[in-house]
Protein backbone atom coordinates (compact mmCIF):
# COMPACT_ATOMS: atom_id res chain seq x y z
CA UNK A 1 33.48 -18.68 41.37
CA UNK A 2 32.86 -19.23 45.06
CA UNK A 3 30.40 -16.36 45.51
CA UNK A 4 27.08 -16.86 43.68
CA UNK A 5 26.35 -14.42 40.88
CA UNK A 6 23.32 -12.87 42.61
CA UNK A 7 25.41 -12.02 45.67
CA UNK A 8 28.07 -10.49 43.44
CA UNK A 9 25.34 -8.39 41.83
CA UNK A 10 24.15 -7.19 45.24
CA UNK A 11 27.73 -6.30 46.16
CA UNK A 12 27.93 -3.99 43.13
CA UNK A 13 24.63 -2.40 44.14
CA UNK A 14 25.98 -1.71 47.63
CA UNK A 15 29.11 0.06 46.32
CA UNK A 16 28.69 3.85 46.30
CA UNK A 17 31.62 5.40 44.41
CA UNK A 18 31.19 5.36 40.64
CA UNK A 19 34.72 4.29 39.73
CA UNK A 20 34.77 1.68 42.52
CA UNK A 21 31.34 0.38 41.48
CA UNK A 22 32.39 -0.04 37.85
CA UNK A 23 35.72 -1.63 38.80
CA UNK A 24 33.90 -4.22 40.93
CA UNK A 25 31.32 -4.71 38.19
CA UNK A 26 34.00 -5.37 35.59
CA UNK A 27 35.84 -7.78 37.89
CA UNK A 28 32.73 -9.81 38.69
CA UNK A 29 31.75 -9.88 35.01
CA UNK A 30 35.20 -11.05 33.93
CA UNK A 31 35.22 -13.81 36.55
CA UNK A 32 31.74 -14.95 35.58
CA UNK A 33 32.59 -14.99 31.88
CA UNK A 34 35.84 -16.87 32.50
CA UNK A 35 34.06 -19.45 34.64
CA UNK A 36 31.35 -19.92 32.01
CA UNK A 37 33.93 -20.30 29.25
CA UNK A 38 35.72 -22.94 31.32
CA UNK A 39 32.49 -24.89 31.81
CA UNK A 40 32.28 -24.22 35.54
CA UNK A 41 29.03 -25.10 37.36
CA UNK A 42 26.17 -22.71 36.68
CA UNK A 43 25.49 -21.06 40.06
CA UNK A 44 23.45 -17.87 40.20
CA UNK A 45 21.99 -18.19 43.68
CA UNK A 46 19.69 -15.61 45.21
CA UNK A 47 20.29 -12.37 47.06
CA UNK A 48 18.50 -9.54 48.83
CA UNK A 49 19.46 -6.42 46.90
CA UNK A 50 18.99 -2.96 48.41
CA UNK A 51 15.81 -1.12 47.44
CA UNK A 52 18.07 1.61 46.09
CA UNK A 53 21.71 1.25 45.06
CA UNK A 54 24.40 3.01 47.04
CA UNK A 55 25.35 6.40 45.60
CA UNK A 56 28.26 8.80 46.13
CA UNK A 57 27.67 12.01 48.10
CA UNK A 58 27.81 13.94 44.83
CA UNK A 59 26.09 14.64 42.50
CA UNK A 60 23.18 16.27 44.25
CA UNK A 61 20.02 14.56 43.01
CA UNK A 62 17.22 16.93 42.01
CA UNK A 63 13.70 16.60 40.70
CA UNK A 64 13.77 16.64 36.88
CA UNK A 65 12.23 20.13 36.72
CA UNK A 66 14.99 21.47 38.98
CA UNK A 67 17.97 20.17 36.96
CA UNK A 68 19.45 23.23 35.21
CA UNK A 69 19.05 23.31 31.42
CA UNK A 70 22.22 24.10 29.48
CA UNK A 71 22.52 24.44 25.72
CA UNK A 72 25.12 22.12 24.14
CA UNK A 73 26.43 24.99 22.01
CA UNK A 74 28.59 26.17 24.92
CA UNK A 75 31.48 24.32 26.61
CA UNK A 76 29.47 24.32 29.84
CA UNK A 77 26.49 22.87 28.00
CA UNK A 78 28.56 20.06 26.51
CA UNK A 79 29.98 19.22 29.93
CA UNK A 80 26.42 19.16 31.32
CA UNK A 81 25.35 16.84 28.50
CA UNK A 82 28.20 14.43 29.22
CA UNK A 83 27.50 14.60 32.95
CA UNK A 84 23.90 13.57 32.28
CA UNK A 85 25.13 10.66 30.13
CA UNK A 86 27.53 9.53 32.88
CA UNK A 87 24.64 9.57 35.36
CA UNK A 88 22.52 7.47 33.01
CA UNK A 89 25.35 4.98 32.49
CA UNK A 90 26.00 4.58 36.23
CA UNK A 91 22.31 3.90 36.80
CA UNK A 92 22.40 1.40 33.93
CA UNK A 93 25.22 -0.51 35.66
CA UNK A 94 22.98 -0.91 38.70
CA UNK A 95 19.88 -1.70 36.66
CA UNK A 96 21.57 -4.62 34.92
CA UNK A 97 23.04 -6.07 38.11
CA UNK A 98 19.71 -5.50 39.88
CA UNK A 99 17.86 -7.68 37.37
CA UNK A 100 20.26 -10.51 38.29
CA UNK A 101 20.06 -9.94 42.04
CA UNK A 102 16.33 -9.24 42.26
CA UNK A 103 14.88 -11.91 39.98
CA UNK A 104 17.04 -14.91 40.84
CA UNK A 105 13.88 -16.72 41.98
CA UNK A 106 12.52 -16.72 38.41
CA UNK A 107 13.75 -19.81 36.51
CA UNK A 108 15.71 -18.57 33.50
CA UNK A 109 18.23 -20.18 31.12
CA UNK A 110 21.97 -19.56 31.58
CA UNK A 111 21.98 -17.23 28.58
CA UNK A 112 19.81 -14.75 30.47
CA UNK A 113 22.57 -14.23 33.02
CA UNK A 114 25.29 -14.19 30.37
CA UNK A 115 23.49 -11.37 28.56
CA UNK A 116 22.93 -9.14 31.58
CA UNK A 117 26.43 -9.68 32.95
CA UNK A 118 27.79 -8.62 29.55
CA UNK A 119 25.46 -5.61 29.48
CA UNK A 120 26.52 -4.58 33.01
CA UNK A 121 30.18 -4.81 32.03
CA UNK A 122 29.57 -2.68 28.94
CA UNK A 123 27.67 -0.06 30.94
CA UNK A 124 30.60 0.03 33.36
CA UNK A 125 32.94 0.69 30.44
CA UNK A 126 30.56 3.40 29.18
CA UNK A 127 30.56 5.19 32.55
CA UNK A 128 34.34 5.15 32.61
CA UNK A 129 34.61 6.39 29.02
CA UNK A 130 32.29 9.33 29.67
CA UNK A 131 33.95 10.09 33.02
CA UNK A 132 37.30 10.20 31.22
CA UNK A 133 35.83 12.68 28.72
CA UNK A 134 34.51 14.85 31.55
CA UNK A 135 37.88 14.86 33.27
CA UNK A 136 39.65 15.75 30.02
CA UNK A 137 37.30 18.74 29.76
CA UNK A 138 38.15 19.84 33.30
CA UNK A 139 35.13 18.43 35.10
CA UNK A 140 34.13 15.13 36.72
CA UNK A 141 31.09 13.03 37.58
CA UNK A 142 29.48 14.63 40.61
CA UNK A 143 30.38 18.19 39.67
CA UNK A 144 26.82 19.00 38.57
CA UNK A 145 23.38 18.09 39.91
CA UNK A 146 21.63 15.11 38.33
CA UNK A 147 18.20 13.59 37.77
CA UNK A 148 16.76 12.05 40.95
CA UNK A 149 14.19 9.90 39.17
CA UNK A 150 16.50 7.50 37.36
CA UNK A 151 15.74 4.60 39.71
CA UNK A 152 11.96 4.99 39.56
CA UNK A 153 11.54 2.40 36.80
CA UNK A 154 13.42 -0.14 38.92
CA UNK A 155 11.28 0.57 41.97
CA UNK A 156 8.05 0.36 40.00
CA UNK A 157 8.99 -3.01 38.47
CA UNK A 158 10.72 -4.54 41.50
CA UNK A 159 8.20 -7.40 41.59
CA UNK A 160 7.67 -7.84 37.84
CA UNK A 161 10.43 -9.22 35.61
CA UNK A 162 8.40 -8.77 32.42
CA UNK A 163 7.63 -5.20 33.44
CA UNK A 164 11.32 -4.54 34.11
CA UNK A 165 12.30 -5.84 30.66
CA UNK A 166 9.56 -3.84 28.97
CA UNK A 167 10.37 -0.52 30.63
CA UNK A 168 14.15 -0.51 31.11
CA UNK A 169 15.76 -1.96 27.98
CA UNK A 170 12.77 -1.76 25.63
CA UNK A 171 11.70 1.81 26.47
CA UNK A 172 14.45 3.68 28.34
CA UNK A 173 17.47 2.19 26.58
CA UNK A 174 15.66 2.26 23.25
CA UNK A 175 15.29 6.00 23.79
CA UNK A 176 19.08 6.17 23.87
CA UNK A 177 19.14 4.81 20.33
CA UNK A 178 16.91 7.72 19.30
CA UNK A 179 18.93 10.56 20.85
CA UNK A 180 22.57 9.46 20.73
CA UNK A 181 23.18 10.25 17.01
CA UNK A 182 22.42 13.93 17.67
CA UNK A 183 24.75 13.93 20.66
CA UNK A 184 27.51 12.50 18.52
CA UNK A 185 27.01 15.34 16.02
CA UNK A 186 27.32 17.95 18.79
CA UNK A 187 30.84 16.75 19.62
CA UNK A 188 31.79 16.03 16.01
CA UNK A 189 31.16 19.70 15.21
CA UNK A 190 33.64 20.56 17.99
CA UNK A 191 36.22 18.17 16.51
CA UNK A 192 36.23 16.32 19.85
CA UNK A 193 37.31 12.96 18.47
CA UNK A 194 37.67 11.25 21.85
CA UNK A 195 34.14 12.07 22.95
CA UNK A 196 32.76 11.10 19.53
CA UNK A 197 34.55 7.73 19.81
CA UNK A 198 33.15 7.18 23.32
CA UNK A 199 29.59 7.98 22.25
CA UNK A 200 29.88 5.82 19.14
CA UNK A 201 30.94 2.89 21.32
CA UNK A 202 27.96 3.46 23.59
CA UNK A 203 25.61 3.76 20.61
CA UNK A 204 26.79 0.49 19.06
CA UNK A 205 26.61 -1.51 22.28
CA UNK A 206 23.26 -0.15 23.45
CA UNK A 207 21.62 -1.86 20.48
CA UNK A 208 22.62 -5.16 22.08
CA UNK A 209 21.13 -4.18 25.44
CA UNK A 210 17.78 -3.34 23.86
CA UNK A 211 17.99 -6.64 21.98
CA UNK A 212 18.57 -8.55 25.23
CA UNK A 213 15.44 -6.97 26.65
CA UNK A 214 13.41 -7.85 23.57
CA UNK A 215 14.76 -11.40 23.45
CA UNK A 216 13.99 -12.26 27.06
CA UNK A 217 10.68 -10.42 27.07
CA UNK A 218 9.58 -12.49 24.09
CA UNK A 219 10.94 -15.63 25.79
CA UNK A 220 8.79 -15.01 28.87
CA UNK A 221 5.72 -14.23 26.77
CA UNK A 222 6.23 -17.42 24.79
CA UNK A 223 6.60 -19.47 27.95
CA UNK A 224 3.24 -18.17 29.15
CA UNK A 225 1.60 -18.28 25.71
CA UNK A 226 1.02 -14.51 25.67
CA UNK A 227 1.04 -12.06 22.77
CA UNK A 228 4.24 -9.98 23.24
CA UNK A 229 2.89 -6.81 21.61
CA UNK A 230 -0.27 -6.73 23.73
CA UNK A 231 1.64 -7.48 26.93
CA UNK A 232 4.24 -4.82 26.10
CA UNK A 233 1.54 -2.17 25.62
CA UNK A 234 -0.15 -3.14 28.88
CA UNK A 235 3.07 -3.10 30.92
CA UNK A 236 4.41 0.15 29.48
CA UNK A 237 1.10 1.87 30.18
CA UNK A 238 1.22 0.48 33.72
CA UNK A 239 4.82 1.29 34.61
CA UNK A 240 6.12 4.01 32.30
CA UNK A 241 5.21 7.55 33.34
CA UNK A 242 4.53 9.50 30.18
CA UNK A 243 4.03 8.88 26.48
CA UNK A 244 6.78 7.70 24.16
CA UNK A 245 8.16 10.57 22.09
CA UNK A 246 9.15 10.46 18.43
CA UNK A 247 11.25 10.77 16.36
CA UNK A 248 12.27 7.13 16.68
CA UNK A 249 15.42 5.51 15.32
CA UNK A 250 13.41 2.85 13.54
CA UNK A 251 16.42 1.20 11.90
CA UNK A 252 18.29 0.60 15.16
CA UNK A 253 15.11 -0.32 17.01
CA UNK A 254 14.37 -2.94 14.36
CA UNK A 255 17.95 -4.22 14.64
CA UNK A 256 17.30 -4.66 18.38
CA UNK A 257 14.06 -6.57 17.78
CA UNK A 258 11.60 -3.74 18.40
CA UNK A 259 9.07 -3.45 15.53
CA UNK A 260 7.17 -0.18 15.02
CA UNK A 261 3.82 -1.63 16.14
CA UNK A 262 5.31 -2.05 19.62
CA UNK A 263 6.09 1.62 20.24
CA UNK A 264 4.08 3.84 17.86
CA UNK A 265 0.72 3.02 19.57
CA UNK A 266 2.23 4.33 22.82
CA UNK A 267 3.00 7.81 21.53
CA UNK A 268 -0.41 9.04 22.71
CA UNK A 269 -1.76 7.83 26.03
CA UNK A 270 -5.37 6.77 26.40
CA UNK A 271 -7.84 4.01 25.67
CA UNK A 272 -7.80 4.76 21.94
CA UNK A 273 -4.00 4.60 21.65
CA UNK A 274 -4.10 1.41 19.66
């Protein structure tokens, strides 16, 4: 690998088209993983990532309150649901490369980079799987408006690696573990086996992404002799806009290293939350 990993990450962030972004992401991930398997020198480097990743002209990005609500009982509603998932997955590709590009100045073990490269590659696969489902249903990513606030967590935690780990994998991606089983049931009832298979793949692999967040968050807390639960509560209250909402998928959260006393105290905001 002649180009340092951080610069490769920034290159993905500067690529606008969704399919082109994920193709580049997968290529960089494969080259990194092959180099690591061959025992090549560990070179992450540093980079200056964009404040916001490049985006295609479509979809139109709207404030959350302005994104049309569609019920998943209709074909149009199911397309809208998949479009929202594709938008989340594309943002996740950028979030995982951004953590590599933005925090290269923080000394971390090689495994940190291995984990987030793997997560970025899996999110790229997820975007492509959901985009394929949309196209099979006669639509495509960009056909509908999407949530404009998806990058807010990245902006808020741009200077805080522990905050990024707390909010992105341990809150936002953990939420995916809560809601994906119901999405799978929506498409199972329609006998849409391909979409069910795509969502089941996403569901299984997202557990690992939450686990990476938990692992490296706990690593950083241990390095600074801090209590992970207390720090998590402080950072989520600082950076996450809104209370956490049950029901929680406690089994999958536990599998990912998130015990209930991390998230239940955050259901209600306020000084008496704990």
